[in-house]
Amino acid sequence: MALLLGGALGTWLESRELRVTLSWFHGDTLGWAVPTLSLRGLDFLFVIAFVVGLYAMHRLLAVQEEGEVEEGVFLEQFRVELRKAVRNVANVAGLRDLFYFPFARLRESDASSAAEDGGLAAEARKKQAAIQRKKAEIEPQAK
């Protein structure tokens, strides 16, 4: 239905035009004129669609979903989905490992705390060892 209405409205608006011009007059003579807006034909439909989209987004802001989750839970789920996508796209083990590094640990660590720094360093060493093992597994397969 919307396609038919849009087509009919587009056909009707094809011969219409809206112009807005900024003009400067010296007495009765025109000093200069700048066309600031010119809409014709399907331009009207695009403007209407933009305005309706803005209104729809405004109304969606008021919607409260049941069972909303905290931001941390959402971000963790987003990261899991991102890992799945990268696993399917990237065949380079190093690129995939980039997304498995515990970046949250970097945010949590306090530079003044030696205990935290030691734990982070140990975790980084484990990660590096895992990367080396994966590289060793891949190299024989490539030959």
Protein backbone atom coordinates (compact mmCIF):
# COMPACT_ATOMS: atom_id res chain seq x y z
CA MET A 1 0.00 0.00 0.00
CA ALA A 2 2.82 2.41 0.93
CA LEU A 3 4.51 1.75 -2.42
CA LEU A 4 1.40 2.69 -4.36
CA LEU A 5 0.79 5.77 -2.24
CA GLY A 6 4.43 6.85 -2.59
CA GLY A 7 4.34 6.35 -6.36
CA ALA A 8 1.11 8.31 -6.74
CA LEU A 9 2.40 11.11 -4.52
CA GLY A 10 5.70 11.17 -6.42
CA THR A 11 3.88 11.46 -9.74
CA TRP A 12 1.69 14.26 -8.42
CA LEU A 13 4.68 16.13 -6.96
CA GLU A 14 6.73 15.73 -10.15
CA SER A 15 5.44 18.98 -11.60
CA ARG A 16 5.63 20.91 -8.29
CA GLU A 17 8.57 22.84 -6.90
CA LEU A 18 9.33 24.70 -3.68
CA ARG A 19 12.04 27.35 -3.71
CA VAL A 20 13.26 29.42 -0.81
CA THR A 21 15.64 32.25 -1.66
CA LEU A 22 17.53 34.57 0.64
CA SER A 23 17.48 38.02 -0.93
CA TRP A 24 19.12 41.35 -0.07
CA PHE A 25 17.56 44.55 -1.34
CA HIS A 26 19.00 48.09 -1.55
CA GLY A 27 15.85 50.16 -1.54
CA ASP A 28 13.86 48.79 -4.47
CA THR A 29 16.75 47.07 -6.26
CA LEU A 30 17.89 43.53 -5.67
CA GLY A 31 21.45 43.45 -4.30
CA TRP A 32 21.95 39.67 -4.29
CA ALA A 33 19.94 36.49 -3.99
CA VAL A 34 21.04 33.08 -2.69
CA PRO A 35 18.86 30.03 -3.34
CA THR A 36 18.75 28.33 0.07
CA LEU A 37 16.27 25.53 -0.62
CA SER A 38 14.95 23.95 -3.78
CA LEU A 39 12.69 20.90 -3.63
CA ARG A 40 11.07 19.29 -6.63
CA GLY A 41 9.56 15.94 -7.50
CA LEU A 42 10.81 13.06 -5.35
CA ASP A 43 12.77 15.45 -3.10
CA PHE A 44 9.51 16.06 -1.25
CA LEU A 45 9.14 12.33 -0.54
CA PHE A 46 12.67 12.11 0.87
CA VAL A 47 12.02 15.06 3.17
CA ILE A 48 8.72 13.53 4.30
CA ALA A 49 10.43 10.16 4.95
CA PHE A 50 13.17 11.90 6.95
CA VAL A 51 10.64 13.75 9.13
CA VAL A 52 8.59 10.57 9.72
CA GLY A 53 11.81 8.70 10.63
CA LEU A 54 12.80 11.38 13.15
CA TYR A 55 9.34 11.22 14.71
CA ALA A 56 9.49 7.41 14.89
CA MET A 57 12.87 7.53 16.66
CA HIS A 58 11.50 10.11 19.08
CA ARG A 59 8.55 7.86 19.92
CA LEU A 60 10.82 4.80 20.30
CA LEU A 61 12.81 6.57 22.99
CA ALA A 62 9.75 6.41 25.24
CA VAL A 63 9.43 2.61 24.92
CA GLN A 64 10.50 0.69 28.03
CA GLU A 65 11.11 -2.97 27.31
CA GLU A 66 10.41 -5.62 29.89
CA GLY A 67 13.47 -7.44 31.07
CA GLU A 68 16.01 -4.81 30.12
CA VAL A 69 19.57 -5.84 30.92
CA GLU A 70 22.40 -3.87 32.39
CA GLU A 71 24.94 -2.27 30.09
CA GLY A 72 27.70 -4.68 31.15
CA VAL A 73 25.62 -7.72 30.21
CA PHE A 74 24.75 -6.16 26.88
CA LEU A 75 28.38 -5.33 26.10
CA GLU A 76 29.50 -8.86 26.96
CA GLN A 77 26.87 -10.35 24.65
CA PHE A 78 27.89 -7.89 21.93
CA ARG A 79 31.54 -8.94 22.33
CA VAL A 80 30.58 -12.63 22.05
CA GLU A 81 28.68 -11.96 18.83
CA LEU A 82 31.60 -9.92 17.48
CA ARG A 83 33.96 -12.80 18.20
CA LYS A 84 31.68 -15.18 16.28
CA ALA A 85 31.61 -12.83 13.30
CA VAL A 86 35.39 -12.39 13.28
CA ARG A 87 35.91 -16.14 13.63
CA ASN A 88 33.82 -16.69 10.51
CA VAL A 89 35.51 -13.92 8.52
CA ALA A 90 39.13 -13.96 9.62
CA ASN A 91 41.27 -16.98 8.89
CA VAL A 92 44.36 -15.44 10.44
CA ALA A 93 44.80 -16.73 13.99
CA GLY A 94 46.53 -13.54 15.15
CA LEU A 95 43.58 -11.38 14.12
CA ARG A 96 41.18 -13.67 15.92
CA ASP A 97 43.31 -13.64 19.05
CA LEU A 98 43.10 -9.87 19.11
CA PHE A 99 39.45 -10.18 20.08
CA TYR A 100 40.14 -12.76 22.80
CA PHE A 101 42.57 -10.60 24.76
CA PRO A 102 41.04 -9.65 28.14
CA PHE A 103 40.83 -5.88 27.61
CA ALA A 104 38.55 -5.59 30.64
CA ARG A 105 41.49 -6.60 32.81
CA LEU A 106 43.45 -3.61 31.51
CA ARG A 107 40.67 -1.27 32.61
CA GLU A 108 40.43 -2.87 36.03
CA SER A 109 44.16 -2.88 36.73
CA ASP A 110 45.59 -0.16 38.90
CA ALA A 111 49.09 0.94 37.91
CA SER A 112 50.07 1.40 41.55
CA SER A 113 49.05 -2.14 42.53
CA ALA A 114 51.91 -4.59 42.05
CA ALA A 115 49.65 -7.58 42.65
CA GLU A 116 47.34 -6.62 39.80
CA ASP A 117 50.26 -5.96 37.47
CA GLY A 118 51.72 -9.37 38.25
CA GLY A 119 48.39 -11.06 37.51
CA LEU A 120 48.03 -9.20 34.23
CA ALA A 121 51.57 -10.06 33.18
CA ALA A 122 50.97 -13.76 33.91
CA GLU A 123 47.76 -13.66 31.91
CA ALA A 124 49.57 -12.01 29.00
CA ARG A 125 52.28 -14.70 29.09
CA LYS A 126 49.62 -17.42 28.98
CA LYS A 127 47.97 -15.72 26.02
CA GLN A 128 51.29 -15.42 24.19
CA ALA A 129 51.99 -19.11 24.78
CA ALA A 130 48.56 -20.00 23.39
CA ILE A 131 49.24 -17.90 20.29
CA GLN A 132 52.58 -19.66 19.77
CA ARG A 133 50.88 -23.07 20.07
CA LYS A 134 48.29 -22.10 17.48
CA LYS A 135 50.99 -20.86 15.10
CA ALA A 136 52.86 -24.14 15.55
CA GLU A 137 49.66 -26.07 14.71
CA ILE A 138 48.97 -23.96 11.61
CA GLU A 139 52.49 -24.05 10.11
CA PRO A 140 52.56 -27.86 9.50
CA GLN A 141 49.09 -27.67 7.91
CA ALA A 142 50.24 -24.93 5.51
CA LYS A 143 53.14 -27.06 4.19
